[in-house]
Amino acid sequence: MWQIKKSVLINAMSAAKNYYPDEFMCFLGGDRKTKTINEIVLVPTENTKNSASINELTIPFDETIVGTLHSHPNENNTPSNADKKFFRKYTLNIILGYPYDLTNASFYDENAKIPQVEIIED
């Protein structure tokens, strides 16, 4: 089971609110052995109301990057076909649906299946 620090989600939700009505995107940094997410990793992105995209050449080579997080500027936090394709590269993926609170965070694995994830206090 994966664990994610609550502060990581709170920080990502704050960023998503700042980007609204555009999508927000970042990466998740953590420890694969303990399956713990402990940071967001920001990289340059292009953001619109309908998508957030990244030039994959800007992704740092960093073994602690284990997943992705992006927002949807509506309440629908199910993955699109493009999301599912992107998820294949990462172990844990999160979609934050508007209004960006803990009840609107959905978790997906690399196959767009719902994994067990526990939100932990810092």
PDB file of N, CA and C in Angstrom:
ATOM      1  N   MET A   1       0.835  -1.176   0.000  1.00  0.00           N
ATOM      2  CA  MET A   1       0.000   0.000   0.000  1.00  0.00           C
ATOM      3  C   MET A   1       0.889   1.252   0.000  1.00  0.00           C
ATOM      4  N   TRP A   2       0.550   2.194  -0.863  1.00  0.00           N
ATOM      5  CA  TRP A   2       1.252   3.465  -0.909  1.00  0.00           C
ATOM      6  C   TRP A   2       0.753   4.374   0.207  1.00  0.00           C
ATOM      7  N   GLN A   3       1.643   5.237   0.668  1.00  0.00           N
ATOM      8  CA  GLN A   3       1.292   6.272   1.627  1.00  0.00           C
ATOM      9  C   GLN A   3       1.720   7.612   1.047  1.00  0.00           C
ATOM     10  N   ILE A   4       0.916   8.641   1.300  1.00  0.00           N
ATOM     11  CA  ILE A   4       1.260   9.984   0.853  1.00  0.00           C
ATOM     12  C   ILE A   4       1.073  10.939   2.016  1.00  0.00           C
ATOM     13  N   LYS A   5       2.053  11.796   2.205  1.00  0.00           N
ATOM     14  CA  LYS A   5       1.948  12.781   3.272  1.00  0.00           C
ATOM     15  C   LYS A   5       0.826  13.766   2.949  1.00  0.00           C
ATOM     16  N   LYS A   6       0.038  14.052   3.952  1.00  0.00           N
ATOM     17  CA  LYS A   6      -1.090  14.968   3.784  1.00  0.00           C
ATOM     18  C   LYS A   6      -0.618  16.333   3.282  1.00  0.00           C
ATOM     19  N   SER A   7       0.535  16.788   3.754  1.00  0.00           N
ATOM     20  CA  SER A   7       1.056  18.098   3.339  1.00  0.00           C
ATOM     21  C   SER A   7       1.355  18.146   1.838  1.00  0.00           C
ATOM     22  N   VAL A   8       1.735  17.015   1.263  1.00  0.00           N
ATOM     23  CA  VAL A   8       1.985  16.964  -0.179  1.00  0.00           C
ATOM     24  C   VAL A   8       0.685  17.238  -0.932  1.00  0.00           C
ATOM     25  N   LEU A   9      -0.394  16.584  -0.512  1.00  0.00           N
ATOM     26  CA  LEU A   9      -1.688  16.818  -1.158  1.00  0.00           C
ATOM     27  C   LEU A   9      -2.181  18.245  -0.943  1.00  0.00           C
ATOM     28  N   ILE A  10      -2.001  18.762   0.268  1.00  0.00           N
ATOM     29  CA  ILE A  10      -2.440  20.132   0.570  1.00  0.00           C
ATOM     30  C   ILE A  10      -1.686  21.127  -0.313  1.00  0.00           C
ATOM     31  N   ASN A  11      -0.374  20.949  -0.450  1.00  0.00           N
ATOM     32  CA  ASN A  11       0.419  21.847  -1.300  1.00  0.00           C
ATOM     33  C   ASN A  11       0.000  21.749  -2.765  1.00  0.00           C
ATOM     34  N   ALA A  12      -0.249  20.542  -3.239  1.00  0.00           N
ATOM     35  CA  ALA A  12      -0.684  20.358  -4.622  1.00  0.00           C
ATOM     36  C   ALA A  12      -2.063  20.973  -4.846  1.00  0.00           C
ATOM     37  N   MET A  13      -2.942  20.835  -3.876  1.00  0.00           N
ATOM     38  CA  MET A  13      -4.278  21.433  -3.989  1.00  0.00           C
ATOM     39  C   MET A  13      -4.195  22.950  -4.023  1.00  0.00           C
ATOM     40  N   SER A  14      -3.304  23.502  -3.247  1.00  0.00           N
ATOM     41  CA  SER A  14      -3.105  24.956  -3.257  1.00  0.00           C
ATOM     42  C   SER A  14      -2.616  25.415  -4.630  1.00  0.00           C
ATOM     43  N   ALA A  15      -1.685  24.674  -5.206  1.00  0.00           N
ATOM     44  CA  ALA A  15      -1.190  25.010  -6.545  1.00  0.00           C
ATOM     45  C   ALA A  15      -2.304  24.888  -7.575  1.00  0.00           C
ATOM     46  N   ALA A  16      -3.110  23.829  -7.477  1.00  0.00           N
ATOM     47  CA  ALA A  16      -4.217  23.633  -8.423  1.00  0.00           C
ATOM     48  C   ALA A  16      -5.198  24.798  -8.342  1.00  0.00           C
ATOM     49  N   LYS A  17      -5.473  25.271  -7.135  1.00  0.00           N
ATOM     50  CA  LYS A  17      -6.366  26.423  -6.965  1.00  0.00           C
ATOM     51  C   LYS A  17      -5.779  27.674  -7.610  1.00  0.00           C
ATOM     52  N   ASN A  18      -4.460  27.835  -7.496  1.00  0.00           N
ATOM     53  CA  ASN A  18      -3.793  28.996  -8.101  1.00  0.00           C
ATOM     54  C   ASN A  18      -3.809  28.945  -9.628  1.00  0.00           C
ATOM     55  N   TYR A  19      -3.764  27.750 -10.191  1.00  0.00           N
ATOM     56  CA  TYR A  19      -3.782  27.590 -11.647  1.00  0.00           C
ATOM     57  C   TYR A  19      -5.195  27.640 -12.227  1.00  0.00           C
ATOM     58  N   TYR A  20      -6.200  27.378 -11.399  1.00  0.00           N
ATOM     59  CA  TYR A  20      -7.588  27.332 -11.857  1.00  0.00           C
ATOM     60  C   TYR A  20      -7.949  28.602 -12.616  1.00  0.00           C
ATOM     61  N   PRO A  21      -8.582  28.556 -13.798  1.00  0.00           N
ATOM     62  CA  PRO A  21      -9.309  27.422 -14.365  1.00  0.00           C
ATOM     63  C   PRO A  21      -8.457  26.505 -15.252  1.00  0.00           C
ATOM     64  N   ASP A  22      -7.149  26.721 -15.296  1.00  0.00           N
ATOM     65  CA  ASP A  22      -6.280  25.834 -16.064  1.00  0.00           C
ATOM     66  C   ASP A  22      -5.911  24.614 -15.223  1.00  0.00           C
ATOM     67  N   GLU A  23      -5.469  23.574 -15.899  1.00  0.00           N
ATOM     68  CA  GLU A  23      -4.993  22.387 -15.198  1.00  0.00           C
ATOM     69  C   GLU A  23      -3.613  22.660 -14.615  1.00  0.00           C
ATOM     70  N   PHE A  24      -3.305  21.958 -13.544  1.00  0.00           N
ATOM     71  CA  PHE A  24      -1.995  22.001 -12.901  1.00  0.00           C
ATOM     72  C   PHE A  24      -1.380  20.620 -13.011  1.00  0.00           C
ATOM     73  N   MET A  25      -0.051  20.552 -13.153  1.00  0.00           N
ATOM     74  CA  MET A  25       0.625  19.267 -13.244  1.00  0.00           C
ATOM     75  C   MET A  25       1.960  19.316 -12.519  1.00  0.00           C
ATOM     76  N   CYS A  26       2.289  18.222 -11.833  1.00  0.00           N
ATOM     77  CA  CYS A  26       3.595  18.079 -11.196  1.00  0.00           C
ATOM     78  C   CYS A  26       3.910  16.585 -11.079  1.00  0.00           C
ATOM     79  N   PHE A  27       5.069  16.297 -10.557  1.00  0.00           N
ATOM     80  CA  PHE A  27       5.461  14.911 -10.311  1.00  0.00           C
ATOM     81  C   PHE A  27       5.478  14.648  -8.814  1.00  0.00           C
ATOM     82  N   LEU A  28       5.443  13.384  -8.452  1.00  0.00           N
ATOM     83  CA  LEU A  28       5.466  12.963  -7.065  1.00  0.00           C
ATOM     84  C   LEU A  28       6.809  12.328  -6.750  1.00  0.00           C
ATOM     85  N   GLY A  29       7.437  12.810  -5.710  1.00  0.00           N
ATOM     86  CA  GLY A  29       8.715  12.264  -5.288  1.00  0.00           C
ATOM     87  C   GLY A  29       8.552  11.453  -4.019  1.00  0.00           C
ATOM     88  N   GLY A  30       9.289  10.359  -3.941  1.00  0.00           N
ATOM     89  CA  GLY A  30       9.161   9.526  -2.748  1.00  0.00           C
ATOM     90  C   GLY A  30      10.147   8.388  -2.722  1.00  0.00           C
ATOM     91  N   ASP A  31       9.824   7.415  -1.911  1.00  0.00           N
ATOM     92  CA  ASP A  31      10.683   6.262  -1.678  1.00  0.00           C
ATOM     93  C   ASP A  31       9.961   5.004  -2.145  1.00  0.00           C
ATOM     94  N   ARG A  32      10.505   4.352  -3.155  1.00  0.00           N
ATOM     95  CA  ARG A  32       9.874   3.142  -3.698  1.00  0.00           C
ATOM     96  C   ARG A  32       9.872   1.990  -2.689  1.00  0.00           C
ATOM     97  N   LYS A  33      10.914   1.906  -1.866  1.00  0.00           N
ATOM     98  CA  LYS A  33      11.005   0.800  -0.915  1.00  0.00           C
ATOM     99  C   LYS A  33       9.933   0.895   0.163  1.00  0.00           C
ATOM    100  N   THR A  34       9.729   2.093   0.700  1.00  0.00           N
ATOM    101  CA  THR A  34       8.722   2.260   1.754  1.00  0.00           C
ATOM    102  C   THR A  34       7.361   2.641   1.186  1.00  0.00           C
ATOM    103  N   LYS A  35       7.314   2.865  -0.137  1.00  0.00           N
ATOM    104  CA  LYS A  35       6.088   3.270  -0.824  1.00  0.00           C
ATOM    105  C   LYS A  35       5.475   4.516  -0.179  1.00  0.00           C
ATOM    106  N   THR A  36       6.331   5.517   0.032  1.00  0.00           N
ATOM    107  CA  THR A  36       5.895   6.761   0.654  1.00  0.00           C
ATOM    108  C   THR A  36       6.164   7.932  -0.280  1.00  0.00           C
ATOM    109  N   ILE A  37       5.132   8.741  -0.507  1.00  0.00           N
ATOM    110  CA  ILE A  37       5.260   9.974  -1.297  1.00  0.00           C
ATOM    111  C   ILE A  37       5.479  11.110  -0.306  1.00  0.00           C
ATOM    112  N   ASN A  38       6.571  11.859  -0.488  1.00  0.00           N
ATOM    113  CA  ASN A  38       6.877  12.910   0.471  1.00  0.00           C
ATOM    114  C   ASN A  38       7.141  14.283  -0.138  1.00  0.00           C
ATOM    115  N   GLU A  39       6.992  14.427  -1.453  1.00  0.00           N
ATOM    116  CA  GLU A  39       7.200  15.745  -2.048  1.00  0.00           C
ATOM    117  C   GLU A  39       6.560  15.841  -3.426  1.00  0.00           C
ATOM    118  N   ILE A  40       6.310  17.094  -3.837  1.00  0.00           N
ATOM    119  CA  ILE A  40       5.942  17.335  -5.227  1.00  0.00           C
ATOM    120  C   ILE A  40       7.173  17.882  -5.927  1.00  0.00           C
ATOM    121  N   VAL A  41       7.324  17.518  -7.180  1.00  0.00           N
ATOM    122  CA  VAL A  41       8.456  17.954  -7.991  1.00  0.00           C
ATOM    123  C   VAL A  41       7.884  18.784  -9.136  1.00  0.00           C
ATOM    124  N   LEU A  42       8.252  20.055  -9.147  1.00  0.00           N
ATOM    125  CA  LEU A  42       7.749  20.965 -10.177  1.00  0.00           C
ATOM    126  C   LEU A  42       8.691  21.005 -11.363  1.00  0.00           C
ATOM    127  N   VAL A  43       8.125  20.967 -12.550  1.00  0.00           N
ATOM    128  CA  VAL A  43       8.865  21.101 -13.799  1.00  0.00           C
ATOM    129  C   VAL A  43       8.059  22.044 -14.699  1.00  0.00           C
ATOM    130  N   PRO A  44       8.681  22.627 -15.714  1.00  0.00           N
ATOM    131  CA  PRO A  44       7.925  23.512 -16.609  1.00  0.00           C
ATOM    132  C   PRO A  44       6.800  22.760 -17.321  1.00  0.00           C
ATOM    133  N   THR A  45       5.622  23.353 -17.342  1.00  0.00           N
ATOM    134  CA  THR A  45       4.468  22.752 -18.007  1.00  0.00           C
ATOM    135  C   THR A  45       3.752  23.803 -18.841  1.00  0.00           C
ATOM    136  N   GLU A  46       2.940  23.324 -19.764  1.00  0.00           N
ATOM    137  CA  GLU A  46       2.033  24.196 -20.500  1.00  0.00           C
ATOM    138  C   GLU A  46       0.637  23.838 -20.026  1.00  0.00           C
ATOM    139  N   ASN A  47      -0.109  24.856 -19.582  1.00  0.00           N
ATOM    140  CA  ASN A  47      -1.381  24.613 -18.933  1.00  0.00           C
ATOM    141  C   ASN A  47      -2.505  25.355 -19.639  1.00  0.00           C
ATOM    142  N   THR A  48      -3.605  24.632 -19.864  1.00  0.00           N
ATOM    143  CA  THR A  48      -4.818  25.229 -20.416  1.00  0.00           C
ATOM    144  C   THR A  48      -6.014  24.678 -19.643  1.00  0.00           C
ATOM    145  N   LYS A  49      -7.212  25.130 -20.002  1.00  0.00           N
ATOM    146  CA  LYS A  49      -8.425  24.619 -19.359  1.00  0.00           C
ATOM    147  C   LYS A  49      -8.636  23.139 -19.643  1.00  0.00           C
ATOM    148  N   ASN A  50      -8.104  22.665 -20.759  1.00  0.00           N
ATOM    149  CA  ASN A  50      -8.357  21.291 -21.194  1.00  0.00           C
ATOM    150  C   ASN A  50      -7.201  20.332 -20.981  1.00  0.00           C
ATOM    151  N   SER A  51      -6.022  20.858 -20.660  1.00  0.00           N
ATOM    152  CA  SER A  51      -4.888  19.951 -20.510  1.00  0.00           C
ATOM    153  C   SER A  51      -3.717  20.630 -19.808  1.00  0.00           C
ATOM    154  N   ALA A  52      -2.838  19.788 -19.345  1.00  0.00           N
ATOM    155  CA  ALA A  52      -1.529  20.208 -18.859  1.00  0.00           C
ATOM    156  C   ALA A  52      -0.542  19.287 -19.548  1.00  0.00           C
ATOM    157  N   SER A  53       0.465  19.852 -20.142  1.00  0.00           N
ATOM    158  CA  SER A  53       1.425  19.012 -20.860  1.00  0.00           C
ATOM    159  C   SER A  53       2.845  19.396 -20.470  1.00  0.00           C
ATOM    160  N   ILE A  54       3.727  18.464 -20.752  1.00  0.00           N
ATOM    161  CA  ILE A  54       5.120  18.635 -20.375  1.00  0.00           C
ATOM    162  C   ILE A  54       6.000  18.139 -21.501  1.00  0.00           C
ATOM    163  N   ASN A  55       7.086  18.832 -21.702  1.00  0.00           N
ATOM    164  CA  ASN A  55       8.119  18.352 -22.609  1.00  0.00           C
ATOM    165  C   ASN A  55       8.924  17.337 -21.813  1.00  0.00           C
ATOM    166  N   GLU A  56       8.887  16.084 -22.220  1.00  0.00           N
ATOM    167  CA  GLU A  56       9.518  15.028 -21.430  1.00  0.00           C
ATOM    168  C   GLU A  56      11.031  15.212 -21.283  1.00  0.00           C
ATOM    169  N   LEU A  57      11.631  16.051 -22.112  1.00  0.00           N
ATOM    170  CA  LEU A  57      13.058  16.326 -21.959  1.00  0.00           C
ATOM    171  C   LEU A  57      13.350  17.160 -20.718  1.00  0.00           C
ATOM    172  N   THR A  58      12.305  17.789 -20.148  1.00  0.00           N
ATOM    173  CA  THR A  58      12.509  18.607 -18.953  1.00  0.00           C
ATOM    174  C   THR A  58      12.337  17.816 -17.661  1.00  0.00           C
ATOM    175  N   ILE A  59      11.963  16.544 -17.767  1.00  0.00           N
ATOM    176  CA  ILE A  59      11.810  15.722 -16.568  1.00  0.00           C
ATOM    177  C   ILE A  59      13.202  15.340 -16.079  1.00  0.00           C
ATOM    178  N   PRO A  60      13.520  15.690 -14.838  1.00  0.00           N
ATOM    179  CA  PRO A  60      14.857  15.346 -14.346  1.00  0.00           C
ATOM    180  C   PRO A  60      15.025  13.834 -14.208  1.00  0.00           C
ATOM    181  N   PHE A  61      16.233  13.366 -14.446  1.00  0.00           N
ATOM    182  CA  PHE A  61      16.522  11.958 -14.196  1.00  0.00           C
ATOM    183  C   PHE A  61      16.710  11.823 -12.698  1.00  0.00           C
ATOM    184  N   ASP A  62      15.687  11.358 -12.048  1.00  0.00           N
ATOM    185  CA  ASP A  62      15.664  11.323 -10.591  1.00  0.00           C
ATOM    186  C   ASP A  62      14.891  10.079 -10.171  1.00  0.00           C
ATOM    187  N   GLU A  63      15.571   9.149  -9.564  1.00  0.00           N
ATOM    188  CA  GLU A  63      14.942   7.882  -9.179  1.00  0.00           C
ATOM    189  C   GLU A  63      13.862   8.057  -8.121  1.00  0.00           C
ATOM    190  N   THR A  64      13.802   9.231  -7.483  1.00  0.00           N
ATOM    191  CA  THR A  64      12.768   9.433  -6.471  1.00  0.00           C
ATOM    192  C   THR A  64      11.432   9.850  -7.085  1.00  0.00           C
ATOM    193  N   ILE A  65      11.403  10.164  -8.380  1.00  0.00           N
ATOM    194  CA  ILE A  65      10.128  10.477  -9.031  1.00  0.00           C
ATOM    195  C   ILE A  65       9.401   9.168  -9.283  1.00  0.00           C
ATOM    196  N   VAL A  66       8.270   9.012  -8.589  1.00  0.00           N
ATOM    197  CA  VAL A  66       7.526   7.750  -8.673  1.00  0.00           C
ATOM    198  C   VAL A  66       6.137   7.926  -9.259  1.00  0.00           C
ATOM    199  N   GLY A  67       5.712   9.162  -9.437  1.00  0.00           N
ATOM    200  CA  GLY A  67       4.354   9.346  -9.924  1.00  0.00           C
ATOM    201  C   GLY A  67       4.069  10.737 -10.432  1.00  0.00           C
ATOM    202  N   THR A  68       2.790  10.940 -10.766  1.00  0.00           N
ATOM    203  CA  THR A  68       2.338  12.212 -11.315  1.00  0.00           C
ATOM    204  C   THR A  68       1.105  12.690 -10.561  1.00  0.00           C
ATOM    205  N   LEU A  69       0.864  13.964 -10.674  1.00  0.00           N
ATOM    206  CA  LEU A  69      -0.345  14.558 -10.130  1.00  0.00           C
ATOM    207  C   LEU A  69      -0.779  15.650 -11.081  1.00  0.00           C
ATOM    208  N   HIS A  70      -2.050  15.675 -11.394  1.00  0.00           N
ATOM    209  CA  HIS A  70      -2.573  16.805 -12.153  1.00  0.00           C
ATOM    210  C   HIS A  70      -4.009  17.067 -11.747  1.00  0.00           C
ATOM    211  N   SER A  71      -4.462  18.262 -12.073  1.00  0.00           N
ATOM    212  CA  SER A  71      -5.817  18.657 -11.692  1.00  0.00           C
ATOM    213  C   SER A  71      -6.722  18.683 -12.908  1.00  0.00           C
ATOM    214  N   HIS A  72      -7.994  18.511 -12.631  1.00  0.00           N
ATOM    215  CA  HIS A  72      -9.040  18.733 -13.624  1.00  0.00           C
ATOM    216  C   HIS A  72      -9.869  19.914 -13.116  1.00  0.00           C
ATOM    217  N   PRO A  73     -10.117  20.914 -13.942  1.00  0.00           N
ATOM    218  CA  PRO A  73     -10.847  22.103 -13.489  1.00  0.00           C
ATOM    219  C   PRO A  73     -12.359  21.890 -13.399  1.00  0.00           C
ATOM    220  N   ASN A  74     -12.754  20.654 -13.176  1.00  0.00           N
ATOM    221  CA  ASN A  74     -14.159  20.313 -12.948  1.00  0.00           C
ATOM    222  C   ASN A  74     -14.183  19.185 -11.925  1.00  0.00           C
ATOM    223  N   GLU A  75     -15.347  18.714 -11.589  1.00  0.00           N
ATOM    224  CA  GLU A  75     -15.467  17.678 -10.557  1.00  0.00           C
ATOM    225  C   GLU A  75     -15.141  16.281 -11.058  1.00  0.00           C
ATOM    226  N   ASN A  76     -14.933  16.127 -12.353  1.00  0.00           N
ATOM    227  CA  ASN A  76     -14.630  14.823 -12.945  1.00  0.00           C
ATOM    228  C   ASN A  76     -13.144  14.516 -12.753  1.00  0.00           C
ATOM    229  N   ASN A  77     -12.858  13.578 -11.878  1.00  0.00           N
ATOM    230  CA  ASN A  77     -11.450  13.221 -11.675  1.00  0.00           C
ATOM    231  C   ASN A  77     -11.142  11.809 -12.166  1.00  0.00           C
ATOM    232  N   THR A  78     -11.877  11.374 -13.184  1.00  0.00           N
ATOM    233  CA  THR A  78     -11.561  10.098 -13.833  1.00  0.00           C
ATOM    234  C   THR A  78     -10.574  10.363 -14.968  1.00  0.00           C
ATOM    235  N   PRO A  79      -9.684   9.438 -15.238  1.00  0.00           N
ATOM    236  CA  PRO A  79      -8.658   9.671 -16.247  1.00  0.00           C
ATOM    237  C   PRO A  79      -9.194   9.612 -17.680  1.00  0.00           C
ATOM    238  N   SER A  80      -8.701  10.524 -18.497  1.00  0.00           N
ATOM    239  CA  SER A  80      -8.993  10.494 -19.932  1.00  0.00           C
ATOM    240  C   SER A  80      -8.097   9.447 -20.577  1.00  0.00           C
ATOM    241  N   ASN A  81      -8.288   9.192 -21.858  1.00  0.00           N
ATOM    242  CA  ASN A  81      -7.406   8.263 -22.579  1.00  0.00           C
ATOM    243  C   ASN A  81      -5.968   8.765 -22.581  1.00  0.00           C
ATOM    244  N   ALA A  82      -5.795  10.090 -22.732  1.00  0.00           N
ATOM    245  CA  ALA A  82      -4.441  10.667 -22.696  1.00  0.00           C
ATOM    246  C   ALA A  82      -3.823  10.479 -21.313  1.00  0.00           C
ATOM    247  N   ASP A  83      -4.629  10.654 -20.254  1.00  0.00           N
ATOM    248  CA  ASP A  83      -4.135  10.425 -18.896  1.00  0.00           C
ATOM    249  C   ASP A  83      -3.671   8.985 -18.736  1.00  0.00           C
ATOM    250  N   LYS A  84      -4.492   8.041 -19.178  1.00  0.00           N
ATOM    251  CA  LYS A  84      -4.157   6.620 -19.038  1.00  0.00           C
ATOM    252  C   LYS A  84      -2.852   6.286 -19.750  1.00  0.00           C
ATOM    253  N   LYS A  85      -2.649   6.874 -20.903  1.00  0.00           N
ATOM    254  CA  LYS A  85      -1.414   6.621 -21.654  1.00  0.00           C
ATOM    255  C   LYS A  85      -0.210   7.158 -20.880  1.00  0.00           C
ATOM    256  N   PHE A  86      -0.354   8.346 -20.311  1.00  0.00           N
ATOM    257  CA  PHE A  86       0.727   8.954 -19.545  1.00  0.00           C
ATOM    258  C   PHE A  86       0.990   8.171 -18.254  1.00  0.00           C
ATOM    259  N   PHE A  87      -0.060   7.660 -17.618  1.00  0.00           N
ATOM    260  CA  PHE A  87       0.072   6.911 -16.372  1.00  0.00           C
ATOM    261  C   PHE A  87       0.973   5.694 -16.524  1.00  0.00           C
ATOM    262  N   ARG A  88       1.037   5.103 -17.703  1.00  0.00           N
ATOM    263  CA  ARG A  88       1.800   3.866 -17.909  1.00  0.00           C
ATOM    264  C   ARG A  88       3.260   3.983 -17.491  1.00  0.00           C
ATOM    265  N   LYS A  89       3.754   5.204 -17.450  1.00  0.00           N
ATOM    266  CA  LYS A  89       5.170   5.429 -17.143  1.00  0.00           C
ATOM    267  C   LYS A  89       5.446   5.551 -15.649  1.00  0.00           C
ATOM    268  N   TYR A  90       4.390   5.643 -14.828  1.00  0.00           N
ATOM    269  CA  TYR A  90       4.586   5.959 -13.411  1.00  0.00           C
ATOM    270  C   TYR A  90       3.761   5.041 -12.515  1.00  0.00           C
ATOM    271  N   THR A  91       4.288   4.767 -11.345  1.00  0.00           N
ATOM    272  CA  THR A  91       3.682   3.818 -10.418  1.00  0.00           C
ATOM    273  C   THR A  91       2.406   4.330  -9.772  1.00  0.00           C
ATOM    274  N   LEU A  92       2.391   5.613  -9.410  1.00  0.00           N
ATOM    275  CA  LEU A  92       1.228   6.191  -8.738  1.00  0.00           C
ATOM    276  C   LEU A  92       0.871   7.508  -9.413  1.00  0.00           C
ATOM    277  N   ASN A  93      -0.399   7.686  -9.671  1.00  0.00           N
ATOM    278  CA  ASN A  93      -0.876   8.891 -10.349  1.00  0.00           C
ATOM    279  C   ASN A  93      -2.095   9.418  -9.612  1.00  0.00           C
ATOM    280  N   ILE A  94      -2.171  10.730  -9.506  1.00  0.00           N
ATOM    281  CA  ILE A  94      -3.274  11.352  -8.775  1.00  0.00           C
ATOM    282  C   ILE A  94      -3.946  12.382  -9.674  1.00  0.00           C
ATOM    283  N   ILE A  95      -5.263  12.377  -9.655  1.00  0.00           N
ATOM    284  CA  ILE A  95      -6.038  13.430 -10.303  1.00  0.00           C
ATOM    285  C   ILE A  95      -6.822  14.152  -9.213  1.00  0.00           C
ATOM    286  N   LEU A  96      -6.662  15.470  -9.167  1.00  0.00           N
ATOM    287  CA  LEU A  96      -7.423  16.306  -8.243  1.00  0.00           C
ATOM    288  C   LEU A  96      -8.570  16.929  -9.002  1.00  0.00           C
ATOM    289  N   GLY A  97      -9.786  16.674  -8.565  1.00  0.00           N
ATOM    290  CA  GLY A  97     -10.957  17.296  -9.163  1.00  0.00           C
ATOM    291  C   GLY A  97     -11.337  18.552  -8.401  1.00  0.00           C
ATOM    292  N   TYR A  98     -11.898  19.514  -9.124  1.00  0.00           N
ATOM    293  CA  TYR A  98     -12.362  20.750  -8.501  1.00  0.00           C
ATOM    294  C   TYR A  98     -13.426  20.408  -7.476  1.00  0.00           C
ATOM    295  N   PRO A  99     -13.472  20.983  -6.315  1.00  0.00           N
ATOM    296  CA  PRO A  99     -12.812  22.199  -5.835  1.00  0.00           C
ATOM    297  C   PRO A  99     -11.495  21.956  -5.102  1.00  0.00           C
ATOM    298  N   TYR A 100     -10.823  20.883  -5.386  1.00  0.00           N
ATOM    299  CA  TYR A 100      -9.484  20.602  -4.879  1.00  0.00           C
ATOM    300  C   TYR A 100      -9.433  20.477  -3.359  1.00  0.00           C
ATOM    301  N   ASP A 101     -10.131  19.476  -2.864  1.00  0.00           N
ATOM    302  CA  ASP A 101     -10.029  19.129  -1.452  1.00  0.00           C
ATOM    303  C   ASP A 101      -9.753  17.625  -1.362  1.00  0.00           C
ATOM    304  N   LEU A 102      -9.539  17.149  -0.152  1.00  0.00           N
ATOM    305  CA  LEU A 102      -9.147  15.747   0.021  1.00  0.00           C
ATOM    306  C   LEU A 102     -10.188  14.755  -0.471  1.00  0.00           C
ATOM    307  N   THR A 103     -11.441  15.174  -0.544  1.00  0.00           N
ATOM    308  CA  THR A 103     -12.482  14.252  -1.019  1.00  0.00           C
ATOM    309  C   THR A 103     -12.486  14.125  -2.540  1.00  0.00           C
ATOM    310  N   ASN A 104     -11.788  15.008  -3.231  1.00  0.00           N
ATOM    311  CA  ASN A 104     -11.773  14.989  -4.694  1.00  0.00           C
ATOM    312  C   ASN A 104     -10.413  14.576  -5.250  1.00  0.00           C
ATOM    313  N   ALA A 105      -9.683  13.769  -4.506  1.00  0.00           N
ATOM    314  CA  ALA A 105      -8.407  13.233  -4.977  1.00  0.00           C
ATOM    315  C   ALA A 105      -8.609  11.766  -5.338  1.00  0.00           C
ATOM    316  N   SER A 106      -8.280  11.413  -6.569  1.00  0.00           N
ATOM    317  CA  SER A 106      -8.390  10.020  -7.021  1.00  0.00           C
ATOM    318  C   SER A 106      -7.003   9.496  -7.346  1.00  0.00           C
ATOM    319  N   PHE A 107      -6.774   8.255  -6.987  1.00  0.00           N
ATOM    320  CA  PHE A 107      -5.471   7.621  -7.145  1.00  0.00           C
ATOM    321  C   PHE A 107      -5.560   6.498  -8.177  1.00  0.00           C
ATOM    322  N   TYR A 108      -4.511   6.394  -8.999  1.00  0.00           N
ATOM    323  CA  TYR A 108      -4.465   5.387 -10.051  1.00  0.00           C
ATOM    324  C   TYR A 108      -3.055   4.820 -10.158  1.00  0.00           C
ATOM    325  N   ASP A 109      -2.954   3.551 -10.538  1.00  0.00           N
ATOM    326  CA  ASP A 109      -1.643   2.968 -10.797  1.00  0.00           C
ATOM    327  C   ASP A 109      -1.303   3.118 -12.274  1.00  0.00           C
ATOM    328  N   GLU A 110      -0.258   2.470 -12.704  1.00  0.00           N
ATOM    329  CA  GLU A 110       0.194   2.593 -14.100  1.00  0.00           C
ATOM    330  C   GLU A 110      -0.788   1.998 -15.102  1.00  0.00           C
ATOM    331  N   ASN A 111      -1.727   1.189 -14.623  1.00  0.00           N
ATOM    332  CA  ASN A 111      -2.752   0.596 -15.490  1.00  0.00           C
ATOM    333  C   ASN A 111      -4.105   1.291 -15.345  1.00  0.00           C
ATOM    334  N   ALA A 112      -4.104   2.449 -14.692  1.00  0.00           N
ATOM    335  CA  ALA A 112      -5.317   3.235 -14.425  1.00  0.00           C
ATOM    336  C   ALA A 112      -6.297   2.496 -13.519  1.00  0.00           C
ATOM    337  N   LYS A 113      -5.775   1.550 -12.744  1.00  0.00           N
ATOM    338  CA  LYS A 113      -6.570   0.863 -11.722  1.00  0.00           C
ATOM    339  C   LYS A 113      -6.399   1.607 -10.404  1.00  0.00           C
ATOM    340  N   ILE A 114      -7.354   1.454  -9.508  1.00  0.00           N
ATOM    341  CA  ILE A 114      -7.325   2.178  -8.239  1.00  0.00           C
ATOM    342  C   ILE A 114      -6.535   1.373  -7.200  1.00  0.00           C
ATOM    343  N   PRO A 115      -5.376   1.894  -6.774  1.00  0.00           N
ATOM    344  CA  PRO A 115      -4.573   1.205  -5.764  1.00  0.00           C
ATOM    345  C   PRO A 115      -5.006   1.625  -4.351  1.00  0.00           C
ATOM    346  N   GLN A 116      -4.511   0.905  -3.362  1.00  0.00           N
ATOM    347  CA  GLN A 116      -4.735   1.317  -1.984  1.00  0.00           C
ATOM    348  C   GLN A 116      -3.714   2.392  -1.646  1.00  0.00           C
ATOM    349  N   VAL A 117      -4.213   3.531  -1.156  1.00  0.00           N
ATOM    350  CA  VAL A 117      -3.355   4.648  -0.765  1.00  0.00           C
ATOM    351  C   VAL A 117      -3.860   5.186   0.558  1.00  0.00           C
ATOM    352  N   GLU A 118      -2.923   5.405   1.459  1.00  0.00           N
ATOM    353  CA  GLU A 118      -3.252   5.973   2.766  1.00  0.00           C
ATOM    354  C   GLU A 118      -2.661   7.376   2.848  1.00  0.00           C
ATOM    355  N   ILE A 119      -3.461   8.328   3.263  1.00  0.00           N
ATOM    356  CA  ILE A 119      -2.990   9.692   3.500  1.00  0.00           C
ATOM    357  C   ILE A 119      -2.507   9.742   4.939  1.00  0.00           C
ATOM    358  N   ILE A 120      -1.245  10.102   5.130  1.00  0.00           N
ATOM    359  CA  ILE A 120      -0.653  10.084   6.470  1.00  0.00           C
ATOM    360  C   ILE A 120      -0.329  11.495   6.928  1.00  0.00           C
ATOM    361  N   GLU A 121      -0.385  11.700   8.225  1.00  0.00           N
ATOM    362  CA  GLU A 121       0.006  12.981   8.817  1.00  0.00           C
ATOM    363  C   GLU A 121       1.522  13.107   8.759  1.00  0.00           C
ATOM    364  N   ASP A 122       1.990  14.313   8.678  1.00  0.00           N
ATOM    365  CA  ASP A 122       3.451  14.561   8.639  1.00  0.00           C
ATOM    366  C   ASP A 122       4.053  14.403  10.016  1.00  0.00           C
TER     367      ASP A 122
END
